[in-house]
């Protein structure tokens, strides 16, 4: 993922070789877990999930405790090795010890979990399609579709074909 003023890395890009580096990430709050002495926050962007952590008695501890699901945040801190690695995540060996947090956007709690294993029924997910499209499984399908179309388009263009899109040749979308 390209570095911007909002981030130095994508959430899913960080690995054990990045430990000790100062990192800035931005994304959606997936989950907040208050375990007493520590608060853990899972933050996600298009590249994956990263765990944030703050210790009890710190300003960041209170800040992380107050976050809501699907809020958009930016977090800065030093990447460190996790005491208890999560083998199910590519970033499962590392966590970000938060030194600064900035809330970019608060949101209402969504009507269903934005995860592959969601608690939302299909009708509800269709009503909130813009939220449903954040789920990782749908993101991967959209990326696959885009890549397939790109390859087909490049192949045909390299052979002199002209791409023409008109409502008479292809179906129009209901959104316009």
Foldseek 3Di string as FASTA:
>chain_A
DDDDPQWPDFQQPDDPVQAFPKTKYKAWWQDWDCPPQKIWTWGHDLNGIAIEMEGPPDPVRVVSVPADGGFIKMFIAGKHADPDFDPVGRHRGIHGHTDDMDGPGHDDHDPWRLEPPIPDDPVSCVVVVVSVCSYNVNSVVVVVVVVVVVVVVVVCVVVPDDDDDDCVVDPDDPVD
